[in-house]
PDB file of N, CA and C in Angstrom:
ATOM      1  N   UNK A   1     108.131  44.832  34.606  1.00  0.00           N
ATOM      2  CA  UNK A   1     109.082  45.010  35.679  1.00  0.00           C
ATOM      3  C   UNK A   1     110.486  44.841  35.104  1.00  0.00           C
ATOM      4  N   UNK A   2     111.382  45.713  35.548  1.00  0.00           N
ATOM      5  CA  UNK A   2     112.759  45.679  35.073  1.00  0.00           C
ATOM      6  C   UNK A   2     113.542  44.587  35.803  1.00  0.00           C
ATOM      7  N   UNK A   3     114.416  43.909  35.070  1.00  0.00           N
ATOM      8  CA  UNK A   3     115.246  42.875  35.664  1.00  0.00           C
ATOM      9  C   UNK A   3     116.265  43.473  36.622  1.00  0.00           C
ATOM     10  N   UNK A   4     116.736  44.686  36.335  1.00  0.00           N
ATOM     11  CA  UNK A   4     117.727  45.335  37.192  1.00  0.00           C
ATOM     12  C   UNK A   4     117.160  45.614  38.583  1.00  0.00           C
ATOM     13  N   UNK A   5     115.839  45.752  38.681  1.00  0.00           N
ATOM     14  CA  UNK A   5     115.197  45.978  39.978  1.00  0.00           C
ATOM     15  C   UNK A   5     115.342  44.756  40.880  1.00  0.00           C
ATOM     16  N   UNK A   6     115.341  43.563  40.278  1.00  0.00           N
ATOM     17  CA  UNK A   6     115.490  42.329  41.044  1.00  0.00           C
ATOM     18  C   UNK A   6     116.940  42.071  41.438  1.00  0.00           C
ATOM     19  N   UNK A   7     117.870  42.492  40.606  1.00  0.00           N
ATOM     20  CA  UNK A   7     119.276  42.184  40.823  1.00  0.00           C
ATOM     21  C   UNK A   7     119.984  43.191  41.720  1.00  0.00           C
ATOM     22  N   UNK A   8     119.353  44.330  42.004  1.00  0.00           N
ATOM     23  CA  UNK A   8     120.006  45.357  42.805  1.00  0.00           C
ATOM     24  C   UNK A   8     120.121  44.907  44.265  1.00  0.00           C
ATOM     25  N   UNK A   9     121.302  45.038  44.837  1.00  0.00           N
ATOM     26  CA  UNK A   9     121.548  44.659  46.228  1.00  0.00           C
ATOM     27  C   UNK A   9     121.492  45.907  47.109  1.00  0.00           C
ATOM     28  N   UNK A  10     120.590  45.915  48.065  1.00  0.00           N
ATOM     29  CA  UNK A  10     120.488  47.015  49.017  1.00  0.00           C
ATOM     30  C   UNK A  10     121.350  46.705  50.224  1.00  0.00           C
ATOM     31  N   UNK A  11     122.175  47.639  50.612  1.00  0.00           N
ATOM     32  CA  UNK A  11     123.038  47.458  51.776  1.00  0.00           C
ATOM     33  C   UNK A  11     122.298  47.924  53.033  1.00  0.00           C
ATOM     34  N   UNK A  12     122.761  47.478  54.173  1.00  0.00           N
ATOM     35  CA  UNK A  12     122.160  47.878  55.433  1.00  0.00           C
ATOM     36  C   UNK A  12     122.326  49.381  55.621  1.00  0.00           C
ATOM     37  N   UNK A  13     121.261  50.074  55.997  1.00  0.00           N
ATOM     38  CA  UNK A  13     121.295  51.517  56.189  1.00  0.00           C
ATOM     39  C   UNK A  13     120.834  52.308  54.979  1.00  0.00           C
ATOM     40  N   UNK A  14     120.554  51.637  53.856  1.00  0.00           N
ATOM     41  CA  UNK A  14     120.098  52.311  52.646  1.00  0.00           C
ATOM     42  C   UNK A  14     118.645  52.741  52.803  1.00  0.00           C
ATOM     43  N   UNK A  15     118.340  53.969  52.372  1.00  0.00           N
ATOM     44  CA  UNK A  15     116.953  54.456  52.407  1.00  0.00           C
ATOM     45  C   UNK A  15     116.244  54.011  51.140  1.00  0.00           C
ATOM     46  N   UNK A  16     115.046  53.458  51.300  1.00  0.00           N
ATOM     47  CA  UNK A  16     114.267  52.941  50.174  1.00  0.00           C
ATOM     48  C   UNK A  16     112.831  53.442  50.249  1.00  0.00           C
ATOM     49  N   UNK A  17     112.184  53.467  49.092  1.00  0.00           N
ATOM     50  CA  UNK A  17     110.761  53.799  48.990  1.00  0.00           C
ATOM     51  C   UNK A  17     110.031  52.505  48.687  1.00  0.00           C
ATOM     52  N   UNK A  18     108.949  52.259  49.395  1.00  0.00           N
ATOM     53  CA  UNK A  18     108.145  51.060  49.166  1.00  0.00           C
ATOM     54  C   UNK A  18     107.100  51.388  48.113  1.00  0.00           C
ATOM     55  N   UNK A  19     107.258  50.772  46.944  1.00  0.00           N
ATOM     56  CA  UNK A  19     106.304  50.942  45.849  1.00  0.00           C
ATOM     57  C   UNK A  19     105.830  49.556  45.455  1.00  0.00           C
ATOM     58  N   UNK A  20     104.569  49.274  45.697  1.00  0.00           N
ATOM     59  CA  UNK A  20     104.019  47.943  45.458  1.00  0.00           C
ATOM     60  C   UNK A  20     103.930  47.673  43.958  1.00  0.00           C
ATOM     61  N   UNK A  21     104.486  46.540  43.563  1.00  0.00           N
ATOM     62  CA  UNK A  21     104.417  46.062  42.175  1.00  0.00           C
ATOM     63  C   UNK A  21     103.279  45.048  42.104  1.00  0.00           C
ATOM     64  N   UNK A  22     102.130  45.406  41.508  1.00  0.00           N
ATOM     65  CA  UNK A  22     100.965  44.529  41.564  1.00  0.00           C
ATOM     66  C   UNK A  22     101.099  43.226  40.791  1.00  0.00           C
ATOM     67  N   UNK A  23     102.048  43.127  39.859  1.00  0.00           N
ATOM     68  CA  UNK A  23     102.194  41.895  39.091  1.00  0.00           C
ATOM     69  C   UNK A  23     102.893  40.794  39.889  1.00  0.00           C
ATOM     70  N   UNK A  24     103.492  41.147  41.036  1.00  0.00           N
ATOM     71  CA  UNK A  24     104.169  40.167  41.892  1.00  0.00           C
ATOM     72  C   UNK A  24     103.497  40.208  43.262  1.00  0.00           C
ATOM     73  N   UNK A  25     102.810  39.110  43.626  1.00  0.00           N
ATOM     74  CA  UNK A  25     102.109  39.094  44.901  1.00  0.00           C
ATOM     75  C   UNK A  25     102.991  38.611  46.043  1.00  0.00           C
ATOM     76  N   UNK A  26     104.015  37.850  45.744  1.00  0.00           N
ATOM     77  CA  UNK A  26     104.874  37.286  46.783  1.00  0.00           C
ATOM     78  C   UNK A  26     105.728  38.382  47.418  1.00  0.00           C
ATOM     79  N   UNK A  27     105.770  38.413  48.734  1.00  0.00           N
ATOM     80  CA  UNK A  27     106.586  39.399  49.439  1.00  0.00           C
ATOM     81  C   UNK A  27     106.031  40.797  49.378  1.00  0.00           C
ATOM     82  N   UNK A  28     104.733  40.919  49.108  1.00  0.00           N
ATOM     83  CA  UNK A  28     104.103  42.226  48.981  1.00  0.00           C
ATOM     84  C   UNK A  28     103.736  42.768  50.362  1.00  0.00           C
ATOM     85  N   UNK A  29     104.135  44.002  50.677  1.00  0.00           N
ATOM     86  CA  UNK A  29     103.745  44.583  51.964  1.00  0.00           C
ATOM     87  C   UNK A  29     102.285  45.031  51.936  1.00  0.00           C
ATOM     88  N   UNK A  30     101.747  45.366  53.084  1.00  0.00           N
ATOM     89  CA  UNK A  30     100.377  45.861  53.168  1.00  0.00           C
ATOM     90  C   UNK A  30     100.278  47.198  52.438  1.00  0.00           C
ATOM     91  N   UNK A  31      99.104  47.489  51.891  1.00  0.00           N
ATOM     92  CA  UNK A  31      98.924  48.702  51.092  1.00  0.00           C
ATOM     93  C   UNK A  31      99.130  49.989  51.890  1.00  0.00           C
ATOM     94  N   UNK A  32      99.059  49.935  53.224  1.00  0.00           N
ATOM     95  CA  UNK A  32      99.268  51.153  54.026  1.00  0.00           C
ATOM     96  C   UNK A  32     100.713  51.628  53.959  1.00  0.00           C
ATOM     97  N   UNK A  33     101.637  50.741  53.554  1.00  0.00           N
ATOM     98  CA  UNK A  33     103.051  51.108  53.477  1.00  0.00           C
ATOM     99  C   UNK A  33     103.456  51.622  52.096  1.00  0.00           C
ATOM    100  N   UNK A  34     102.555  51.610  51.126  1.00  0.00           N
ATOM    101  CA  UNK A  34     102.862  52.079  49.773  1.00  0.00           C
ATOM    102  C   UNK A  34     103.234  53.568  49.798  1.00  0.00           C
ATOM    103  N   UNK A  35     104.395  53.877  49.261  1.00  0.00           N
ATOM    104  CA  UNK A  35     104.865  55.260  49.207  1.00  0.00           C
ATOM    105  C   UNK A  35     105.675  55.695  50.411  1.00  0.00           C
ATOM    106  N   UNK A  36     105.791  54.849  51.413  1.00  0.00           N
ATOM    107  CA  UNK A  36     106.542  55.194  52.624  1.00  0.00           C
ATOM    108  C   UNK A  36     108.042  55.018  52.388  1.00  0.00           C
ATOM    109  N   UNK A  37     108.828  55.827  53.085  1.00  0.00           N
ATOM    110  CA  UNK A  37     110.283  55.738  53.019  1.00  0.00           C
ATOM    111  C   UNK A  37     110.761  55.023  54.274  1.00  0.00           C
ATOM    112  N   UNK A  38     111.640  54.056  54.075  1.00  0.00           N
ATOM    113  CA  UNK A  38     112.166  53.281  55.197  1.00  0.00           C
ATOM    114  C   UNK A  38     113.654  53.055  55.048  1.00  0.00           C
ATOM    115  N   UNK A  39     114.228  52.373  56.028  1.00  0.00           N
ATOM    116  CA  UNK A  39     115.650  52.065  56.038  1.00  0.00           C
ATOM    117  C   UNK A  39     115.832  50.555  56.064  1.00  0.00           C
ATOM    118  N   UNK A  40     116.706  50.058  55.198  1.00  0.00           N
ATOM    119  CA  UNK A  40     116.992  48.624  55.163  1.00  0.00           C
ATOM    120  C   UNK A  40     117.811  48.265  56.391  1.00  0.00           C
ATOM    121  N   UNK A  41     117.343  47.247  57.126  1.00  0.00           N
ATOM    122  CA  UNK A  41     118.049  46.797  58.321  1.00  0.00           C
ATOM    123  C   UNK A  41     118.946  45.612  57.980  1.00  0.00           C
ATOM    124  N   UNK A  42     118.381  44.622  57.295  1.00  0.00           N
ATOM    125  CA  UNK A  42     119.151  43.423  56.963  1.00  0.00           C
ATOM    126  C   UNK A  42     118.509  42.717  55.781  1.00  0.00           C
ATOM    127  N   UNK A  43     119.243  41.769  55.224  1.00  0.00           N
ATOM    128  CA  UNK A  43     118.701  40.911  54.179  1.00  0.00           C
ATOM    129  C   UNK A  43     118.335  39.586  54.825  1.00  0.00           C
ATOM    130  N   UNK A  44     117.149  39.085  54.506  1.00  0.00           N
ATOM    131  CA  UNK A  44     116.664  37.827  55.072  1.00  0.00           C
ATOM    132  C   UNK A  44     116.202  36.951  53.910  1.00  0.00           C
ATOM    133  N   UNK A  45     117.059  36.024  53.492  1.00  0.00           N
ATOM    134  CA  UNK A  45     116.747  35.206  52.321  1.00  0.00           C
ATOM    135  C   UNK A  45     116.795  36.071  51.082  1.00  0.00           C
ATOM    136  N   UNK A  46     115.720  36.061  50.315  1.00  0.00           N
ATOM    137  CA  UNK A  46     115.626  36.926  49.134  1.00  0.00           C
ATOM    138  C   UNK A  46     115.040  38.284  49.476  1.00  0.00           C
ATOM    139  N   UNK A  47     114.471  38.419  50.649  1.00  0.00           N
ATOM    140  CA  UNK A  47     113.775  39.630  51.060  1.00  0.00           C
ATOM    141  C   UNK A  47     114.651  40.529  51.916  1.00  0.00           C
ATOM    142  N   UNK A  48     114.112  41.715  52.212  1.00  0.00           N
ATOM    143  CA  UNK A  48     114.794  42.687  53.055  1.00  0.00           C
ATOM    144  C   UNK A  48     113.895  43.061  54.218  1.00  0.00           C
ATOM    145  N   UNK A  49     114.492  43.303  55.369  1.00  0.00           N
ATOM    146  CA  UNK A  49     113.765  43.809  56.525  1.00  0.00           C
ATOM    147  C   UNK A  49     113.923  45.320  56.485  1.00  0.00           C
ATOM    148  N   UNK A  50     112.795  46.030  56.418  1.00  0.00           N
ATOM    149  CA  UNK A  50     112.791  47.483  56.276  1.00  0.00           C
ATOM    150  C   UNK A  50     112.120  48.089  57.496  1.00  0.00           C
ATOM    151  N   UNK A  51     112.749  49.102  58.079  1.00  0.00           N
ATOM    152  CA  UNK A  51     112.197  49.820  59.223  1.00  0.00           C
ATOM    153  C   UNK A  51     111.447  51.049  58.716  1.00  0.00           C
ATOM    154  N   UNK A  52     110.156  51.131  59.058  1.00  0.00           N
ATOM    155  CA  UNK A  52     109.294  52.221  58.600  1.00  0.00           C
ATOM    156  C   UNK A  52     108.665  52.892  59.811  1.00  0.00           C
ATOM    157  N   UNK A  53     108.646  54.222  59.835  1.00  0.00           N
ATOM    158  CA  UNK A  53     107.992  54.956  60.912  1.00  0.00           C
ATOM    159  C   UNK A  53     106.532  55.167  60.554  1.00  0.00           C
ATOM    160  N   UNK A  54     105.650  54.706  61.425  1.00  0.00           N
ATOM    161  CA  UNK A  54     104.200  54.834  61.230  1.00  0.00           C
ATOM    162  C   UNK A  54     103.645  55.622  62.411  1.00  0.00           C
ATOM    163  N   UNK A  55     103.546  56.934  62.270  1.00  0.00           N
ATOM    164  CA  UNK A  55     103.134  57.766  63.390  1.00  0.00           C
ATOM    165  C   UNK A  55     104.244  57.804  64.422  1.00  0.00           C
ATOM    166  N   UNK A  56     103.961  57.356  65.648  1.00  0.00           N
ATOM    167  CA  UNK A  56     104.991  57.270  66.688  1.00  0.00           C
ATOM    168  C   UNK A  56     105.678  55.909  66.702  1.00  0.00           C
ATOM    169  N   UNK A  57     105.051  54.909  66.090  1.00  0.00           N
ATOM    170  CA  UNK A  57     105.577  53.547  66.116  1.00  0.00           C
ATOM    171  C   UNK A  57     106.593  53.325  65.002  1.00  0.00           C
ATOM    172  N   UNK A  58     107.573  52.495  65.275  1.00  0.00           N
ATOM    173  CA  UNK A  58     108.548  52.085  64.270  1.00  0.00           C
ATOM    174  C   UNK A  58     108.275  50.621  63.950  1.00  0.00           C
ATOM    175  N   UNK A  59     107.920  50.346  62.693  1.00  0.00           N
ATOM    176  CA  UNK A  59     107.555  48.998  62.274  1.00  0.00           C
ATOM    177  C   UNK A  59     108.683  48.398  61.450  1.00  0.00           C
ATOM    178  N   UNK A  60     108.878  47.112  61.589  1.00  0.00           N
ATOM    179  CA  UNK A  60     109.817  46.376  60.760  1.00  0.00           C
ATOM    180  C   UNK A  60     109.001  45.439  59.880  1.00  0.00           C
ATOM    181  N   UNK A  61     109.111  45.638  58.570  1.00  0.00           N
ATOM    182  CA  UNK A  61     108.352  44.807  57.638  1.00  0.00           C
ATOM    183  C   UNK A  61     109.321  44.073  56.727  1.00  0.00           C
ATOM    184  N   UNK A  62     108.889  42.928  56.238  1.00  0.00           N
ATOM    185  CA  UNK A  62     109.693  42.115  55.333  1.00  0.00           C
ATOM    186  C   UNK A  62     109.143  42.307  53.924  1.00  0.00           C
ATOM    187  N   UNK A  63     110.027  42.763  53.020  1.00  0.00           N
ATOM    188  CA  UNK A  63     109.607  43.140  51.672  1.00  0.00           C
ATOM    189  C   UNK A  63     110.564  42.531  50.656  1.00  0.00           C
ATOM    190  N   UNK A  64     110.020  42.050  49.567  1.00  0.00           N
ATOM    191  CA  UNK A  64     110.836  41.558  48.468  1.00  0.00           C
ATOM    192  C   UNK A  64     111.350  42.750  47.651  1.00  0.00           C
ATOM    193  N   UNK A  65     112.493  42.597  46.953  1.00  0.00           N
ATOM    194  CA  UNK A  65     113.090  43.734  46.228  1.00  0.00           C
ATOM    195  C   UNK A  65     112.244  44.256  45.068  1.00  0.00           C
ATOM    196  N   UNK A  66     111.275  43.473  44.575  1.00  0.00           N
ATOM    197  CA  UNK A  66     110.394  43.954  43.500  1.00  0.00           C
ATOM    198  C   UNK A  66     109.569  45.149  43.961  1.00  0.00           C
ATOM    199  N   UNK A  67     109.339  45.256  45.267  1.00  0.00           N
ATOM    200  CA  UNK A  67     108.492  46.304  45.819  1.00  0.00           C
ATOM    201  C   UNK A  67     109.292  47.446  46.425  1.00  0.00           C
ATOM    202  N   UNK A  68     110.600  47.461  46.184  1.00  0.00           N
ATOM    203  CA  UNK A  68     111.461  48.512  46.735  1.00  0.00           C
ATOM    204  C   UNK A  68     112.067  49.336  45.617  1.00  0.00           C
ATOM    205  N   UNK A  69     112.370  50.580  45.936  1.00  0.00           N
ATOM    206  CA  UNK A  69     113.023  51.488  45.003  1.00  0.00           C
ATOM    207  C   UNK A  69     113.988  52.361  45.787  1.00  0.00           C
ATOM    208  N   UNK A  70     115.148  52.627  45.211  1.00  0.00           N
ATOM    209  CA  UNK A  70     116.152  53.441  45.893  1.00  0.00           C
ATOM    210  C   UNK A  70     115.621  54.852  46.092  1.00  0.00           C
ATOM    211  N   UNK A  71     115.769  55.399  47.293  1.00  0.00           N
ATOM    212  CA  UNK A  71     115.306  56.747  47.618  1.00  0.00           C
ATOM    213  C   UNK A  71     116.351  57.761  47.178  1.00  0.00           C
ATOM    214  N   UNK A  72     115.923  58.736  46.398  1.00  0.00           N
ATOM    215  CA  UNK A  72     116.831  59.756  45.890  1.00  0.00           C
ATOM    216  C   UNK A  72     116.801  60.961  46.815  1.00  0.00           C
ATOM    217  N   UNK A  73     117.802  61.054  47.679  1.00  0.00           N
ATOM    218  CA  UNK A  73     117.850  62.194  48.605  1.00  0.00           C
ATOM    219  C   UNK A  73     119.210  62.834  48.604  1.00  0.00           C
TER     220      UNK A  73
END
């Protein structure tokens, strides 16, 4: 895992891809969210609250930055 991935600060409204890093179990989202694109809502401690659309429902999940990647759009 790259150190820069841990140090990157995501701002509110940033689009991110949830990619599970298996070497870090803490703050890991459920496997159903792997590969999903979401929007950062806020920072909560060391983690981020990410809004993800799952079908018709909009879910808010708490994810550590090790499991996030900037979305290139």
